[in-house]
């Protein structure tokens, strides 16, 4: 399964919050909510998050075997 654990670490390390993602960078609250619940997001949204946080995809998601 895909885990967003790296995203939360990267977000904190970059000094950003879900509030700034939503209000400053126009990431929808629905996207943030899906990530909190482990749901899917698009590759376009992954690209946006990487650009905002200046990081690689591995800093946003990881695959964890069940």
N, C-alpha and C. Protein backbone atom coordinates (compact mmCIF):
# COMPACT_ATOMS: atom_id res chain seq x y z
N UNK A 1 0.83 -1.18 0.00
CA UNK A 1 0.00 0.00 0.00
C UNK A 1 0.87 1.24 0.00
N UNK A 2 0.30 2.33 -0.47
CA UNK A 2 1.02 3.60 -0.51
C UNK A 2 0.84 4.33 0.82
N UNK A 3 1.95 4.81 1.36
CA UNK A 3 1.91 5.56 2.61
C UNK A 3 2.38 6.99 2.36
N UNK A 4 1.74 7.92 3.04
CA UNK A 4 2.13 9.33 2.95
C UNK A 4 2.98 9.75 4.13
N UNK A 5 3.49 8.82 4.90
CA UNK A 5 4.32 9.16 6.07
C UNK A 5 5.48 10.08 5.69
N UNK A 6 6.17 9.84 4.56
CA UNK A 6 7.26 10.77 4.21
C UNK A 6 6.77 12.20 3.97
N UNK A 7 5.56 12.33 3.45
CA UNK A 7 5.00 13.66 3.19
C UNK A 7 4.91 14.49 4.47
N UNK A 8 4.40 13.89 5.53
CA UNK A 8 4.21 14.63 6.78
C UNK A 8 5.55 15.05 7.36
N UNK A 9 6.57 14.19 7.23
CA UNK A 9 7.91 14.55 7.69
C UNK A 9 8.49 15.69 6.85
N UNK A 10 8.32 15.58 5.53
CA UNK A 10 8.84 16.60 4.62
C UNK A 10 8.14 17.94 4.84
N UNK A 11 6.83 17.88 5.02
CA UNK A 11 6.05 19.09 5.27
C UNK A 11 6.58 19.83 6.49
N UNK A 12 6.80 19.10 7.56
CA UNK A 12 7.32 19.68 8.80
C UNK A 12 8.74 20.22 8.61
N UNK A 13 9.57 19.44 7.93
CA UNK A 13 10.97 19.84 7.71
C UNK A 13 11.08 21.13 6.88
N UNK A 14 10.12 21.33 5.98
CA UNK A 14 10.13 22.53 5.13
C UNK A 14 9.43 23.72 5.78
N UNK A 15 8.91 23.51 6.99
CA UNK A 15 8.26 24.60 7.71
C UNK A 15 6.90 24.98 7.14
N UNK A 16 6.27 24.06 6.46
CA UNK A 16 4.94 24.30 5.90
C UNK A 16 3.90 23.56 6.73
N UNK A 17 2.64 23.93 6.56
CA UNK A 17 1.54 23.28 7.24
C UNK A 17 0.44 22.98 6.23
N UNK A 18 -0.53 22.20 6.64
CA UNK A 18 -1.66 21.96 5.75
C UNK A 18 -2.39 23.27 5.48
N UNK A 19 -2.40 24.16 6.45
CA UNK A 19 -3.02 25.48 6.26
C UNK A 19 -2.35 26.24 5.11
N UNK A 20 -1.03 26.27 5.09
CA UNK A 20 -0.34 27.00 4.01
C UNK A 20 -0.53 26.30 2.68
N UNK A 21 -0.57 24.97 2.67
CA UNK A 21 -0.82 24.26 1.41
C UNK A 21 -2.16 24.67 0.83
N UNK A 22 -3.17 24.73 1.68
CA UNK A 22 -4.52 25.05 1.23
C UNK A 22 -4.65 26.53 0.87
N UNK A 23 -4.18 27.41 1.73
CA UNK A 23 -4.43 28.84 1.54
C UNK A 23 -3.39 29.59 0.72
N UNK A 24 -2.15 29.16 0.78
CA UNK A 24 -1.09 29.84 0.02
C UNK A 24 -0.86 29.20 -1.34
N UNK A 25 -0.93 27.86 -1.39
CA UNK A 25 -0.60 27.15 -2.62
C UNK A 25 -1.81 26.56 -3.33
N UNK A 26 -2.99 26.79 -2.81
CA UNK A 26 -4.24 26.34 -3.44
C UNK A 26 -4.36 24.83 -3.63
N UNK A 27 -3.79 24.06 -2.71
CA UNK A 27 -4.03 22.62 -2.68
C UNK A 27 -5.38 22.44 -2.00
N UNK A 28 -6.27 21.67 -2.60
CA UNK A 28 -7.62 21.57 -2.03
C UNK A 28 -7.61 20.85 -0.69
N UNK A 29 -8.53 21.25 0.16
CA UNK A 29 -8.66 20.60 1.45
C UNK A 29 -9.07 19.13 1.27
N UNK A 30 -9.77 18.83 0.17
CA UNK A 30 -10.15 17.44 -0.12
C UNK A 30 -8.90 16.59 -0.38
N UNK A 31 -7.92 17.15 -1.06
CA UNK A 31 -6.67 16.42 -1.32
C UNK A 31 -5.95 16.15 -0.01
N UNK A 32 -5.85 17.15 0.83
CA UNK A 32 -5.19 16.99 2.13
C UNK A 32 -5.93 15.93 2.95
N UNK A 33 -7.24 15.98 2.93
CA UNK A 33 -8.05 15.01 3.67
C UNK A 33 -7.84 13.60 3.15
N UNK A 34 -7.79 13.43 1.82
CA UNK A 34 -7.52 12.10 1.25
C UNK A 34 -6.17 11.57 1.69
N UNK A 35 -5.18 12.45 1.73
CA UNK A 35 -3.84 12.04 2.15
C UNK A 35 -3.83 11.64 3.62
N UNK A 36 -4.55 12.38 4.45
CA UNK A 36 -4.64 12.04 5.88
C UNK A 36 -5.26 10.66 6.07
N UNK A 37 -6.21 10.32 5.20
CA UNK A 37 -6.92 9.04 5.30
C UNK A 37 -6.28 7.93 4.48
N UNK A 38 -5.15 8.22 3.82
CA UNK A 38 -4.44 7.21 3.04
C UNK A 38 -5.06 6.95 1.69
N UNK A 39 -5.87 7.87 1.20
CA UNK A 39 -6.51 7.71 -0.11
C UNK A 39 -5.58 8.09 -1.24
N UNK A 40 -6.06 7.95 -2.45
CA UNK A 40 -5.25 8.21 -3.63
C UNK A 40 -5.27 9.67 -4.05
N UNK A 41 -4.17 10.11 -4.66
CA UNK A 41 -4.09 11.43 -5.28
C UNK A 41 -3.47 11.23 -6.66
N UNK A 42 -3.64 12.21 -7.52
CA UNK A 42 -3.14 12.09 -8.89
C UNK A 42 -1.64 12.36 -8.97
N UNK A 43 -1.06 11.91 -10.07
CA UNK A 43 0.36 12.21 -10.30
C UNK A 43 0.56 13.71 -10.51
N UNK A 44 -0.44 14.38 -11.06
CA UNK A 44 -0.35 15.84 -11.21
C UNK A 44 -0.26 16.50 -9.84
N UNK A 45 -1.01 16.01 -8.87
CA UNK A 45 -0.97 16.57 -7.52
C UNK A 45 0.37 16.24 -6.86
N UNK A 46 0.90 15.04 -7.10
CA UNK A 46 2.24 14.70 -6.60
C UNK A 46 3.27 15.68 -7.16
N UNK A 47 3.14 15.98 -8.44
CA UNK A 47 4.04 16.93 -9.08
C UNK A 47 3.94 18.30 -8.42
N UNK A 48 2.71 18.75 -8.15
CA UNK A 48 2.50 20.05 -7.49
C UNK A 48 3.15 20.07 -6.11
N UNK A 49 2.95 19.00 -5.34
CA UNK A 49 3.52 18.94 -4.00
C UNK A 49 5.04 18.93 -4.03
N UNK A 50 5.62 18.21 -4.98
CA UNK A 50 7.08 18.19 -5.12
C UNK A 50 7.61 19.58 -5.46
N UNK A 51 6.91 20.30 -6.32
CA UNK A 51 7.33 21.65 -6.70
C UNK A 51 7.22 22.60 -5.50
N UNK A 52 6.14 22.50 -4.77
CA UNK A 52 5.92 23.37 -3.60
C UNK A 52 6.97 23.12 -2.53
N UNK A 53 7.24 21.84 -2.25
CA UNK A 53 8.14 21.47 -1.16
C UNK A 53 9.60 21.29 -1.60
N UNK A 54 9.85 21.47 -2.91
CA UNK A 54 11.21 21.30 -3.46
C UNK A 54 11.81 19.96 -3.04
N UNK A 55 11.10 18.90 -3.40
CA UNK A 55 11.53 17.56 -3.00
C UNK A 55 11.27 16.56 -4.11
N UNK A 56 11.62 15.32 -3.86
CA UNK A 56 11.40 14.22 -4.80
C UNK A 56 10.14 13.47 -4.40
N UNK A 57 9.64 12.65 -5.31
CA UNK A 57 8.43 11.86 -5.05
C UNK A 57 8.62 10.99 -3.81
N UNK A 58 9.81 10.48 -3.61
CA UNK A 58 10.09 9.62 -2.45
C UNK A 58 9.92 10.38 -1.13
N UNK A 59 9.95 11.69 -1.18
CA UNK A 59 9.75 12.50 0.01
C UNK A 59 8.27 12.75 0.28
N UNK A 60 7.41 12.24 -0.61
CA UNK A 60 5.96 12.40 -0.47
C UNK A 60 5.27 11.06 -0.18
N UNK A 61 5.65 10.03 -0.94
CA UNK A 61 5.01 8.72 -0.80
C UNK A 61 6.05 7.62 -0.70
N UNK A 62 5.61 6.49 -0.16
CA UNK A 62 6.44 5.28 -0.13
C UNK A 62 5.51 4.08 -0.23
N UNK A 63 6.05 3.00 -0.77
CA UNK A 63 5.29 1.75 -0.85
C UNK A 63 5.64 0.91 0.36
N UNK A 64 4.60 0.44 1.05
CA UNK A 64 4.77 -0.41 2.23
C UNK A 64 4.01 -1.71 1.97
N UNK A 65 4.71 -2.83 2.02
CA UNK A 65 4.04 -4.11 1.82
C UNK A 65 3.12 -4.42 3.00
N UNK A 66 2.01 -5.05 2.70
CA UNK A 66 1.06 -5.43 3.76
C UNK A 66 1.60 -6.57 4.59
